[in-house]
Amino acid sequence: MIDKFLVILIIGITLFIMGYSTYKTFNRGTKCSKCRYNSKKKT
């Protein structure tokens, strides 16, 4: 039980890190800094 939970946790963290880095690079790709500021304000 514990081993399965650990594997799921590790996979989840890895996917989260991958998704977060992709999101960051996508944000960097946007040229308009104002748009980035507005998106930060919403969250």
PDB file of N, CA and C in Angstrom:
ATOM      1  N   MET A   1       0.850  -1.217   0.000  1.00  0.00           N
ATOM      2  CA  MET A   1       0.000   0.000   0.000  1.00  0.00           C
ATOM      3  C   MET A   1       0.882   1.262   0.000  1.00  0.00           C
ATOM      4  N   ILE A   2       1.840   1.310   0.927  1.00  0.00           N
ATOM      5  CA  ILE A   2       2.692   2.499   1.056  1.00  0.00           C
ATOM      6  C   ILE A   2       3.536   2.684  -0.211  1.00  0.00           C
ATOM      7  N   ASP A   3       4.056   1.556  -0.753  1.00  0.00           N
ATOM      8  CA  ASP A   3       4.892   1.638  -1.954  1.00  0.00           C
ATOM      9  C   ASP A   3       4.095   2.210  -3.122  1.00  0.00           C
ATOM     10  N   LYS A   4       2.871   1.731  -3.312  1.00  0.00           N
ATOM     11  CA  LYS A   4       2.026   2.234  -4.401  1.00  0.00           C
ATOM     12  C   LYS A   4       1.766   3.723  -4.229  1.00  0.00           C
ATOM     13  N   PHE A   5       1.507   4.129  -3.013  1.00  0.00           N
ATOM     14  CA  PHE A   5       1.252   5.547  -2.727  1.00  0.00           C
ATOM     15  C   PHE A   5       2.473   6.389  -3.069  1.00  0.00           C
ATOM     16  N   LEU A   6       3.661   5.899  -2.709  1.00  0.00           N
ATOM     17  CA  LEU A   6       4.906   6.631  -2.986  1.00  0.00           C
ATOM     18  C   LEU A   6       5.120   6.772  -4.484  1.00  0.00           C
ATOM     19  N   VAL A   7       4.872   5.699  -5.239  1.00  0.00           N
ATOM     20  CA  VAL A   7       5.054   5.736  -6.698  1.00  0.00           C
ATOM     21  C   VAL A   7       4.111   6.764  -7.306  1.00  0.00           C
ATOM     22  N   ILE A   8       2.846   6.749  -6.886  1.00  0.00           N
ATOM     23  CA  ILE A   8       1.859   7.708  -7.392  1.00  0.00           C
ATOM     24  C   ILE A   8       2.283   9.127  -7.036  1.00  0.00           C
ATOM     25  N   LEU A   9       2.780   9.317  -5.828  1.00  0.00           N
ATOM     26  CA  LEU A   9       3.216  10.641  -5.374  1.00  0.00           C
ATOM     27  C   LEU A   9       4.383  11.145  -6.220  1.00  0.00           C
ATOM     28  N   ILE A  10       5.366  10.278  -6.464  1.00  0.00           N
ATOM     29  CA  ILE A  10       6.543  10.660  -7.262  1.00  0.00           C
ATOM     30  C   ILE A  10       6.116  11.014  -8.686  1.00  0.00           C
ATOM     31  N   ILE A  11       5.241  10.197  -9.287  1.00  0.00           N
ATOM     32  CA  ILE A  11       4.768  10.468 -10.649  1.00  0.00           C
ATOM     33  C   ILE A  11       4.022  11.794 -10.680  1.00  0.00           C
ATOM     34  N   GLY A  12       3.190  12.032  -9.686  1.00  0.00           N
ATOM     35  CA  GLY A  12       2.428  13.280  -9.618  1.00  0.00           C
ATOM     36  C   GLY A  12       3.338  14.491  -9.511  1.00  0.00           C
ATOM     37  N   ILE A  13       4.357  14.409  -8.670  1.00  0.00           N
ATOM     38  CA  ILE A  13       5.300  15.527  -8.503  1.00  0.00           C
ATOM     39  C   ILE A  13       6.063  15.764  -9.803  1.00  0.00           C
ATOM     40  N   THR A  14       6.492  14.675 -10.468  1.00  0.00           N
ATOM     41  CA  THR A  14       7.236  14.800 -11.726  1.00  0.00           C
ATOM     42  C   THR A  14       6.378  15.476 -12.779  1.00  0.00           C
ATOM     43  N   LEU A  15       5.121  15.037 -12.902  1.00  0.00           N
ATOM     44  CA  LEU A  15       4.209  15.635 -13.881  1.00  0.00           C
ATOM     45  C   LEU A  15       3.968  17.099 -13.553  1.00  0.00           C
ATOM     46  N   PHE A  16       3.834  17.413 -12.276  1.00  0.00           N
ATOM     47  CA  PHE A  16       3.604  18.797 -11.852  1.00  0.00           C
ATOM     48  C   PHE A  16       4.788  19.682 -12.220  1.00  0.00           C
ATOM     49  N   ILE A  17       6.002  19.189 -11.959  1.00  0.00           N
ATOM     50  CA  ILE A  17       7.214  19.962 -12.280  1.00  0.00           C
ATOM     51  C   ILE A  17       7.316  20.166 -13.789  1.00  0.00           C
ATOM     52  N   MET A  18       7.050  19.109 -14.570  1.00  0.00           N
ATOM     53  CA  MET A  18       7.106  19.213 -16.031  1.00  0.00           C
ATOM     54  C   MET A  18       6.088  20.222 -16.530  1.00  0.00           C
ATOM     55  N   GLY A  19       4.870  20.137 -16.013  1.00  0.00           N
ATOM     56  CA  GLY A  19       3.820  21.062 -16.424  1.00  0.00           C
ATOM     57  C   GLY A  19       4.142  22.489 -16.027  1.00  0.00           C
ATOM     58  N   TYR A  20       4.704  22.665 -14.845  1.00  0.00           N
ATOM     59  CA  TYR A  20       5.038  24.007 -14.356  1.00  0.00           C
ATOM     60  C   TYR A  20       6.136  24.639 -15.201  1.00  0.00           C
ATOM     61  N   SER A  21       7.160  23.857 -15.554  1.00  0.00           N
ATOM     62  CA  SER A  21       8.262  24.386 -16.378  1.00  0.00           C
ATOM     63  C   SER A  21       7.754  24.742 -17.768  1.00  0.00           C
ATOM     64  N   THR A  22       6.859  23.909 -18.320  1.00  0.00           N
ATOM     65  CA  THR A  22       6.281  24.196 -19.636  1.00  0.00           C
ATOM     66  C   THR A  22       5.464  25.475 -19.561  1.00  0.00           C
ATOM     67  N   TYR A  23       4.702  25.636 -18.475  1.00  0.00           N
ATOM     68  CA  TYR A  23       3.889  26.844 -18.282  1.00  0.00           C
ATOM     69  C   TYR A  23       4.776  28.081 -18.181  1.00  0.00           C
ATOM     70  N   LYS A  24       5.899  27.952 -17.480  1.00  0.00           N
ATOM     71  CA  LYS A  24       6.820  29.080 -17.318  1.00  0.00           C
ATOM     72  C   LYS A  24       7.419  29.499 -18.657  1.00  0.00           C
ATOM     73  N   THR A  25       7.856  28.521 -19.458  1.00  0.00           N
ATOM     74  CA  THR A  25       8.456  28.841 -20.753  1.00  0.00           C
ATOM     75  C   THR A  25       7.398  29.452 -21.665  1.00  0.00           C
ATOM     76  N   PHE A  26       6.161  28.983 -21.558  1.00  0.00           N
ATOM     77  CA  PHE A  26       5.070  29.539 -22.365  1.00  0.00           C
ATOM     78  C   PHE A  26       4.829  30.992 -21.975  1.00  0.00           C
ATOM     79  N   ASN A  27       4.885  31.290 -20.685  1.00  0.00           N
ATOM     80  CA  ASN A  27       4.713  32.661 -20.200  1.00  0.00           C
ATOM     81  C   ASN A  27       5.830  33.560 -20.713  1.00  0.00           C
ATOM     82  N   ARG A  28       7.049  33.026 -20.738  1.00  0.00           N
ATOM     83  CA  ARG A  28       8.192  33.790 -21.208  1.00  0.00           C
ATOM     84  C   ARG A  28       8.034  34.100 -22.698  1.00  0.00           C
ATOM     85  N   GLY A  29       7.373  33.183 -23.415  1.00  0.00           N
ATOM     86  CA  GLY A  29       7.182  33.353 -24.851  1.00  0.00           C
ATOM     87  C   GLY A  29       6.300  34.546 -25.185  1.00  0.00           C
ATOM     88  N   THR A  30       5.378  34.905 -24.290  1.00  0.00           N
ATOM     89  CA  THR A  30       4.496  36.047 -24.546  1.00  0.00           C
ATOM     90  C   THR A  30       5.309  37.328 -24.504  1.00  0.00           C
ATOM     91  N   LYS A  31       5.193  38.129 -25.569  1.00  0.00           N
ATOM     92  CA  LYS A  31       5.997  39.352 -25.675  1.00  0.00           C
ATOM     93  C   LYS A  31       5.451  40.457 -24.774  1.00  0.00           C
ATOM     94  N   CYS A  32       4.130  40.545 -24.667  1.00  0.00           N
ATOM     95  CA  CYS A  32       3.497  41.639 -23.930  1.00  0.00           C
ATOM     96  C   CYS A  32       3.671  41.434 -22.424  1.00  0.00           C
ATOM     97  N   SER A  33       4.415  42.318 -21.771  1.00  0.00           N
ATOM     98  CA  SER A  33       4.629  42.203 -20.325  1.00  0.00           C
ATOM     99  C   SER A  33       3.356  42.574 -19.567  1.00  0.00           C
ATOM    100  N   LYS A  34       2.550  43.473 -20.149  1.00  0.00           N
ATOM    101  CA  LYS A  34       1.295  43.868 -19.502  1.00  0.00           C
ATOM    102  C   LYS A  34       0.358  42.672 -19.393  1.00  0.00           C
ATOM    103  N   CYS A  35       0.303  41.858 -20.460  1.00  0.00           N
ATOM    104  CA  CYS A  35      -0.555  40.670 -20.437  1.00  0.00           C
ATOM    105  C   CYS A  35      -0.114  39.731 -19.320  1.00  0.00           C
ATOM    106  N   ARG A  36       1.205  39.590 -19.176  1.00  0.00           N
ATOM    107  CA  ARG A  36       1.737  38.719 -18.129  1.00  0.00           C
ATOM    108  C   ARG A  36       1.348  39.261 -16.758  1.00  0.00           C
ATOM    109  N   TYR A  37       1.424  40.568 -16.606  1.00  0.00           N
ATOM    110  CA  TYR A  37       1.074  41.203 -15.327  1.00  0.00           C
ATOM    111  C   TYR A  37      -0.401  40.971 -15.005  1.00  0.00           C
ATOM    112  N   ASN A  38      -1.259  41.098 -16.037  1.00  0.00           N
ATOM    113  CA  ASN A  38      -2.694  40.900 -15.836  1.00  0.00           C
ATOM    114  C   ASN A  38      -2.999  39.454 -15.454  1.00  0.00           C
ATOM    115  N   SER A  39      -2.330  38.501 -16.097  1.00  0.00           N
ATOM    116  CA  SER A  39      -2.569  37.094 -15.785  1.00  0.00           C
ATOM    117  C   SER A  39      -2.125  36.787 -14.357  1.00  0.00           C
ATOM    118  N   LYS A  40      -1.054  37.434 -13.911  1.00  0.00           N
ATOM    119  CA  LYS A  40      -0.591  37.238 -12.532  1.00  0.00           C
ATOM    120  C   LYS A  40      -1.614  37.814 -11.557  1.00  0.00           C
ATOM    121  N   LYS A  41      -2.212  38.943 -11.921  1.00  0.00           N
ATOM    122  CA  LYS A  41      -3.187  39.604 -11.053  1.00  0.00           C
ATOM    123  C   LYS A  41      -4.417  38.719 -10.835  1.00  0.00           C
ATOM    124  N   LYS A  42      -4.875  38.037 -11.907  1.00  0.00           N
ATOM    125  CA  LYS A  42      -6.078  37.207 -11.826  1.00  0.00           C
ATOM    126  C   LYS A  42      -5.907  36.079 -10.821  1.00  0.00           C
ATOM    127  N   THR A  43      -4.738  35.387 -10.861  1.00  0.00           N
ATOM    128  CA  THR A  43      -4.543  34.229  -9.985  1.00  0.00           C
ATOM    129  C   THR A  43      -4.255  34.651  -8.556  1.00  0.00           C
TER     130      THR A  43
END
